Amino acid sequence: MHLTAIETNRATKIAPAVTDLALARLLADAARGDANACFDLGVAFSTGSSGAEYDLIEAHKWFNLAAARGHWEAAHCRADISDEMTAREIAEAQRRAREFLSAGQRKVA
């Protein structure tokens, strides 16, 4: 996947390593409890941007985590993408969110 940056009247490709680094930073910040990083990951997975593949299950997971951490817009985004998901996909997203939270608690202990 290649992202394209638009500058005035020309477009330039962004190297995959740059987008991978951006995604890695978001994941690290989310692991530290950053609600904005969780929200940004939800956006990335729901749009297939910032080095993330389009994946509504992962997007739902990250919007769910962001909402749980107090991000006011995340709950709305989660509801929007839920309209495009099956009940099984939503259940899987919720399972992944719980797994992410429990993995973080094990690291702290």
Protein backbone atom coordinates (compact mmCIF):
# COMPACT_ATOMS: atom_id res chain seq x y z
CA MET A 1 0.00 0.00 0.00
CA HIS A 2 1.29 3.45 -0.89
CA LEU A 3 -0.12 6.67 0.48
CA THR A 4 -0.01 9.81 -1.59
CA ALA A 5 0.70 13.19 -0.09
CA ILE A 6 -0.92 16.07 -1.93
CA GLU A 7 1.08 19.29 -1.97
CA THR A 8 -0.41 22.23 -3.85
CA ASN A 9 -0.60 20.97 -7.42
CA ARG A 10 1.56 17.85 -7.32
CA ALA A 11 1.34 14.48 -5.62
CA THR A 12 4.27 12.58 -4.16
CA LYS A 13 4.33 9.00 -2.90
CA ILE A 14 5.03 8.36 0.75
CA ALA A 15 7.39 5.46 1.33
CA PRO A 16 5.84 2.39 2.99
CA ALA A 17 8.50 2.57 5.74
CA VAL A 18 7.22 6.02 6.72
CA THR A 19 3.62 4.81 6.97
CA ASP A 20 4.75 1.72 8.89
CA LEU A 21 6.58 3.98 11.34
CA ALA A 22 3.50 6.16 11.78
CA LEU A 23 1.37 3.09 12.48
CA ALA A 24 3.97 1.73 14.92
CA ARG A 25 3.97 5.03 16.81
CA LEU A 26 0.18 5.03 17.04
CA LEU A 27 0.22 1.44 18.32
CA ALA A 28 2.85 2.30 20.95
CA ASP A 29 0.90 5.36 22.09
CA ALA A 30 -2.33 3.32 22.24
CA ALA A 31 -0.58 0.69 24.36
CA ARG A 32 0.28 3.48 26.82
CA GLY A 33 -3.41 4.39 27.07
CA ASP A 34 -3.57 7.36 24.67
CA ALA A 35 -7.24 7.75 23.66
CA ASN A 36 -6.32 9.94 20.67
CA ALA A 37 -3.96 7.27 19.35
CA CYS A 38 -6.72 4.67 19.70
CA PHE A 39 -9.07 6.95 17.78
CA ASP A 40 -6.47 7.57 15.07
CA LEU A 41 -5.98 3.81 14.73
CA GLY A 42 -9.74 3.42 14.32
CA VAL A 43 -9.67 5.99 11.55
CA ALA A 44 -6.65 4.33 9.92
CA PHE A 45 -8.24 0.87 9.88
CA SER A 46 -11.66 2.16 8.80
CA THR A 47 -10.16 4.00 5.83
CA GLY A 48 -7.12 1.85 5.03
CA SER A 49 -4.71 4.74 5.65
CA SER A 50 -1.52 5.46 7.62
CA GLY A 51 -0.09 2.04 6.78
CA ALA A 52 -3.13 0.12 8.02
CA GLU A 53 -5.15 -2.26 5.88
CA TYR A 54 -8.90 -1.64 5.61
CA ASP A 55 -10.35 -3.75 8.44
CA LEU A 56 -13.64 -2.83 10.11
CA ILE A 57 -13.12 -5.33 12.94
CA GLU A 58 -9.84 -3.65 13.92
CA ALA A 59 -11.39 -0.21 13.39
CA HIS A 60 -14.29 -1.08 15.72
CA LYS A 61 -11.83 -2.40 18.30
CA TRP A 62 -9.82 0.84 18.30
CA PHE A 63 -12.89 3.09 18.31
CA ASN A 64 -14.23 1.03 21.22
CA LEU A 65 -10.99 1.44 23.17
CA ALA A 66 -10.87 5.17 22.43
CA ALA A 67 -14.48 5.60 23.59
CA ALA A 68 -13.73 3.66 26.77
CA ARG A 69 -10.85 6.06 27.40
CA GLY A 70 -13.07 9.11 27.04
CA HIS A 71 -12.72 10.09 23.38
CA TRP A 72 -16.11 11.67 22.63
CA GLU A 73 -16.09 11.19 18.84
CA ALA A 74 -15.01 7.54 18.93
CA ALA A 75 -18.39 6.23 20.04
CA HIS A 76 -20.06 7.90 17.07
CA CYS A 77 -17.51 6.46 14.64
CA ARG A 78 -17.93 3.02 16.21
CA ALA A 79 -21.70 3.26 15.71
CA ASP A 80 -21.25 4.36 12.09
CA ILE A 81 -19.05 1.42 11.12
CA SER A 82 -21.22 -1.00 13.11
CA ASP A 83 -23.92 -0.42 10.50
CA GLU A 84 -21.62 -2.09 7.95
CA MET A 85 -20.70 -5.06 10.17
CA THR A 86 -22.35 -8.35 11.06
CA ALA A 87 -23.10 -9.28 14.67
CA ARG A 88 -20.23 -11.81 14.55
CA GLU A 89 -17.79 -9.17 13.34
CA ILE A 90 -18.84 -6.83 16.16
CA ALA A 91 -18.47 -9.63 18.70
CA GLU A 92 -14.97 -10.36 17.35
CA ALA A 93 -14.03 -6.68 17.60
CA GLN A 94 -15.22 -6.59 21.21
CA ARG A 95 -13.28 -9.78 21.99
CA ARG A 96 -10.12 -8.22 20.52
CA ALA A 97 -10.63 -5.05 22.57
CA ARG A 98 -10.96 -7.09 25.78
CA GLU A 99 -7.88 -9.09 24.81
CA PHE A 100 -5.91 -5.87 24.23
CA LEU A 101 -6.95 -4.52 27.63
CA SER A 102 -6.12 -7.74 29.48
CA ALA A 103 -2.72 -7.96 27.76
CA GLY A 104 -1.93 -4.45 29.02
CA GLN A 105 -2.90 -5.39 32.57
CA ARG A 106 -0.61 -8.43 32.46
CA LYS A 107 2.32 -6.19 31.47
CA VAL A 108 1.68 -3.90 34.44
CA ALA A 109 1.51 -6.73 36.95
